[in-house]
Amino acid sequence: MNRIISTSLAALALSAGAVGLNAQQSSALPGQVDPSRVSGGTYEVDSGHTLVGWRVNHFGFNDYFGLFGDVEGSLTIDPANLSSAQVDVTIPITAVTVASEGLRDHLLRPGEDGAEPDFFGASPAPARFVSTRVVPHGDGRNATILGDLTLNGVTNPVTILAEFTGAGANPMNQRETIGFEGTSMIKRSDYGIDFGIPVVSDEVELNLTAAFEKAR
């Protein structure tokens, strides 16, 4: 019995040590989930570390997904008045990454014999999101961002549920950086992209991860 108790205590000690080590490692990261680290002003999108993920259902069997990168834009924020924050980002549709070259070609190829393309076409205009209202939640780390999304030449209101994920100085360039993640849901038919509905879902889940660096 004593051996069992000793073994249990040793396991608990190791577990506690691992938790403590993880906490130390986390506290050593340049970015921390600490709103007091955020200073007011205008920030620019860190294009190399900002992604817009999309996800649709295929034939009712499973979901497939892809990413848009090379995002550009800005965030203006006042920590004392978060509801005044403004977001304006541009997302190049041609910078799409998917699992197969065949699918990428389908997303970006022109329509046959002058017809409308199935999805975006060969020279799609970038998408753009411009916030119209920011509603902070009581915890100081989450917010609802309302705005207009222009995609495929059509503009519709969308809602993003955003979470603050870290702030601090980027060790590579020493610029103040703020990180966020967010989710949203749109219907692609609202933007004139209705190929394959309903066997390819109309609903598109968007998952966003963004870093903004303080403007120089």
Protein backbone atom coordinates (compact mmCIF):
# COMPACT_ATOMS: atom_id res chain seq x y z
CA MET A 1 0.00 0.00 0.00
CA ASN A 2 2.81 2.41 0.88
CA ARG A 3 4.41 1.68 -2.50
CA ILE A 4 1.11 2.55 -4.24
CA ILE A 5 0.81 5.79 -2.25
CA SER A 6 4.43 6.69 -2.99
CA THR A 7 3.96 5.99 -6.69
CA SER A 8 0.80 8.12 -6.76
CA LEU A 9 2.52 10.98 -4.98
CA ALA A 10 5.44 10.79 -7.40
CA ALA A 11 3.07 10.91 -10.37
CA LEU A 12 1.32 13.94 -8.90
CA ALA A 13 4.65 15.65 -8.32
CA LEU A 14 5.73 15.00 -11.91
CA SER A 15 2.40 16.29 -13.18
CA ALA A 16 2.66 19.44 -11.08
CA GLY A 17 6.21 19.95 -12.30
CA ALA A 18 5.08 19.65 -15.92
CA VAL A 19 2.31 22.19 -15.34
CA GLY A 20 4.79 24.55 -13.74
CA LEU A 21 7.22 24.11 -16.61
CA ASN A 22 4.50 24.79 -19.16
CA ALA A 23 3.51 27.93 -17.26
CA GLN A 24 7.13 29.12 -17.25
CA GLN A 25 7.46 28.43 -20.96
CA SER A 26 4.21 30.28 -21.66
CA SER A 27 5.28 33.29 -19.61
CA ALA A 28 8.49 33.46 -21.65
CA LEU A 29 6.63 33.91 -24.94
CA PRO A 30 6.84 37.39 -26.52
CA GLY A 31 3.05 37.52 -26.86
CA GLN A 32 0.81 37.28 -23.80
CA VAL A 33 -2.97 37.28 -23.39
CA ASP A 34 -2.76 40.54 -21.45
CA PRO A 35 -4.92 43.45 -22.68
CA SER A 36 -2.79 45.92 -20.69
CA ARG A 37 -0.01 45.32 -23.23
CA VAL A 38 -2.09 46.86 -26.03
CA SER A 39 -1.32 50.49 -26.81
CA GLY A 40 -3.58 52.68 -28.89
CA GLY A 41 -2.95 53.61 -32.49
CA THR A 42 -2.97 52.15 -35.97
CA TYR A 43 -1.60 48.69 -36.70
CA GLU A 44 -0.82 47.04 -40.03
CA VAL A 45 -1.58 43.44 -40.96
CA ASP A 46 1.40 41.10 -40.63
CA SER A 47 0.74 39.50 -44.02
CA GLY A 48 3.10 36.61 -43.40
CA HIS A 49 1.20 35.44 -40.32
CA THR A 50 -2.43 36.25 -41.13
CA LEU A 51 -4.71 33.66 -42.73
CA VAL A 52 -8.36 33.27 -43.65
CA GLY A 53 -9.47 29.65 -43.61
CA TRP A 54 -12.65 28.45 -45.30
CA ARG A 55 -14.50 25.17 -44.93
CA VAL A 56 -17.39 23.61 -46.87
CA ASN A 57 -19.09 20.23 -46.86
CA HIS A 58 -18.61 17.96 -49.88
CA PHE A 59 -21.48 15.65 -50.90
CA GLY A 60 -22.44 15.08 -47.27
CA PHE A 61 -19.39 12.86 -46.84
CA ASN A 62 -16.87 15.20 -45.26
CA ASP A 63 -15.63 18.77 -45.16
CA TYR A 64 -12.78 20.14 -47.20
CA PHE A 65 -11.04 23.41 -46.61
CA GLY A 66 -8.49 25.89 -47.87
CA LEU A 67 -6.68 29.09 -46.96
CA PHE A 68 -6.33 32.62 -48.24
CA GLY A 69 -3.06 34.39 -47.47
CA ASP A 70 -1.20 37.59 -48.37
CA VAL A 71 -3.82 39.57 -46.44
CA GLU A 72 -3.30 43.32 -46.15
CA GLY A 73 -5.00 46.01 -44.12
CA SER A 74 -5.13 47.87 -40.84
CA LEU A 75 -6.55 47.97 -37.34
CA THR A 76 -7.08 51.18 -35.41
CA ILE A 77 -7.69 50.66 -31.71
CA ASP A 78 -8.04 52.62 -28.47
CA PRO A 79 -7.82 50.32 -25.42
CA ALA A 80 -9.89 52.83 -23.41
CA ASN A 81 -12.67 52.75 -26.01
CA LEU A 82 -12.69 49.36 -27.73
CA SER A 83 -16.04 50.02 -29.39
CA SER A 84 -14.32 52.66 -31.54
CA ALA A 85 -11.95 50.11 -33.10
CA GLN A 86 -11.87 49.93 -36.89
CA VAL A 87 -10.75 47.03 -39.10
CA ASP A 88 -10.15 47.23 -42.85
CA VAL A 89 -8.58 44.19 -44.55
CA THR A 90 -8.15 43.07 -48.14
CA ILE A 91 -7.90 39.37 -49.05
CA PRO A 92 -6.53 38.41 -52.48
CA ILE A 93 -8.63 35.57 -53.85
CA THR A 94 -5.83 34.43 -56.16
CA ALA A 95 -3.70 33.67 -53.09
CA VAL A 96 -5.71 30.55 -52.27
CA THR A 97 -4.11 27.35 -51.02
CA VAL A 98 -5.87 23.98 -51.28
CA ALA A 99 -4.84 20.34 -51.13
CA SER A 100 -4.78 19.68 -54.88
CA GLU A 101 -3.77 21.67 -57.94
CA GLY A 102 -6.90 20.40 -59.68
CA LEU A 103 -9.17 22.01 -57.10
CA ARG A 104 -7.22 25.26 -57.21
CA ASP A 105 -7.58 25.30 -60.99
CA HIS A 106 -11.34 24.74 -60.64
CA LEU A 107 -11.67 27.64 -58.21
CA LEU A 108 -9.80 30.06 -60.48
CA ARG A 109 -10.50 28.89 -64.02
CA PRO A 110 -12.72 30.96 -66.35
CA GLY A 111 -16.11 29.78 -67.49
CA GLU A 112 -16.31 27.67 -70.63
CA ASP A 113 -17.24 29.36 -73.92
CA GLY A 114 -17.76 32.72 -72.27
CA ALA A 115 -20.04 31.39 -69.52
CA GLU A 116 -19.77 32.48 -65.91
CA PRO A 117 -17.06 30.61 -63.94
CA ASP A 118 -18.09 27.95 -61.45
CA PHE A 119 -16.38 29.78 -58.61
CA PHE A 120 -14.11 32.86 -58.72
CA GLY A 121 -12.77 32.90 -62.27
CA ALA A 122 -9.32 33.64 -63.60
CA SER A 123 -8.95 37.27 -62.46
CA PRO A 124 -11.08 37.70 -59.33
CA ALA A 125 -11.04 41.00 -57.48
CA PRO A 126 -9.75 40.81 -53.89
CA ALA A 127 -12.28 40.42 -51.12
CA ARG A 128 -12.50 43.24 -48.57
CA PHE A 129 -13.90 43.44 -45.05
CA VAL A 130 -14.60 46.82 -43.46
CA SER A 131 -15.94 46.95 -39.91
CA THR A 132 -18.97 49.07 -39.13
CA ARG A 133 -19.30 48.36 -35.40
CA VAL A 134 -17.34 46.62 -32.66
CA VAL A 135 -19.14 45.32 -29.56
CA PRO A 136 -16.68 44.35 -26.77
CA HIS A 137 -17.71 41.56 -24.40
CA GLY A 138 -17.45 41.99 -20.67
CA ASP A 139 -14.33 39.86 -20.31
CA GLY A 140 -12.15 42.32 -22.23
CA ARG A 141 -10.81 39.56 -24.48
CA ASN A 142 -13.69 38.87 -26.84
CA ALA A 143 -15.74 41.04 -29.15
CA THR A 144 -18.36 40.88 -31.86
CA ILE A 145 -17.25 42.67 -35.02
CA LEU A 146 -19.94 43.68 -37.48
CA GLY A 147 -19.01 44.84 -40.95
CA ASP A 148 -19.40 44.59 -44.69
CA LEU A 149 -17.74 41.88 -46.75
CA THR A 150 -17.30 42.53 -50.46
CA LEU A 151 -16.70 39.32 -52.40
CA ASN A 152 -17.17 38.56 -56.08
CA GLY A 153 -18.45 42.11 -56.60
CA VAL A 154 -21.21 41.76 -54.00
CA THR A 155 -21.32 43.40 -50.56
CA ASN A 156 -23.20 41.91 -47.60
CA PRO A 157 -23.10 42.40 -43.83
CA VAL A 158 -21.25 39.76 -41.83
CA THR A 159 -20.55 39.15 -38.15
CA ILE A 160 -17.21 37.97 -36.76
CA LEU A 161 -16.78 36.56 -33.27
CA ALA A 162 -13.26 37.66 -32.36
CA GLU A 163 -10.91 36.65 -29.54
CA PHE A 164 -7.80 38.52 -28.42
CA THR A 165 -4.95 35.98 -28.35
CA GLY A 166 -1.83 37.93 -27.45
CA ALA A 167 0.13 41.18 -27.42
CA GLY A 168 3.78 42.12 -27.09
CA ALA A 169 6.87 43.02 -29.07
CA ASN A 170 7.76 40.90 -32.08
CA PRO A 171 11.34 39.75 -31.33
CA MET A 172 12.21 39.78 -35.05
CA ASN A 173 11.55 43.48 -35.61
CA GLN A 174 10.61 44.82 -32.15
CA ARG A 175 7.27 46.13 -33.42
CA GLU A 176 4.29 46.07 -31.07
CA THR A 177 2.03 43.23 -32.20
CA ILE A 178 -1.56 42.23 -31.41
CA GLY A 179 -3.01 38.82 -32.25
CA PHE A 180 -6.63 37.78 -32.79
CA GLU A 181 -8.60 34.77 -33.90
CA GLY A 182 -12.15 34.82 -35.19
CA THR A 183 -14.98 32.83 -36.73
CA SER A 184 -17.80 33.68 -39.08
CA MET A 185 -20.32 31.98 -41.33
CA ILE A 186 -21.47 33.13 -44.76
CA LYS A 187 -23.56 31.75 -47.61
CA ARG A 188 -21.65 31.75 -50.87
CA SER A 189 -24.89 32.06 -52.84
CA ASP A 190 -25.27 35.53 -51.30
CA TYR A 191 -22.18 36.46 -53.33
CA GLY A 192 -23.27 34.86 -56.60
CA ILE A 193 -21.19 31.70 -56.14
CA ASP A 194 -23.78 28.94 -56.29
CA PHE A 195 -22.11 26.14 -58.25
CA GLY A 196 -22.80 22.68 -56.81
CA ILE A 197 -25.34 23.71 -54.17
CA PRO A 198 -26.58 21.74 -52.24
CA VAL A 199 -24.15 18.84 -52.73
CA VAL A 200 -21.36 21.29 -52.00
CA SER A 201 -22.65 23.28 -49.07
CA ASP A 202 -23.89 26.83 -49.47
CA GLU A 203 -22.70 27.57 -45.94
CA VAL A 204 -19.02 28.44 -45.67
CA GLU A 205 -17.32 28.46 -42.28
CA LEU A 206 -14.58 31.07 -41.98
CA ASN A 207 -11.74 30.76 -39.47
CA LEU A 208 -9.46 33.75 -39.09
CA THR A 209 -6.09 34.16 -37.46
CA ALA A 210 -4.51 37.60 -37.63
CA ALA A 211 -1.48 39.49 -36.38
CA PHE A 212 -1.29 43.28 -36.53
CA GLU A 213 1.96 45.23 -36.09
CA LYS A 214 2.11 48.83 -34.87
CA ALA A 215 2.52 51.20 -37.81
CA ARG A 216 5.92 52.86 -37.96
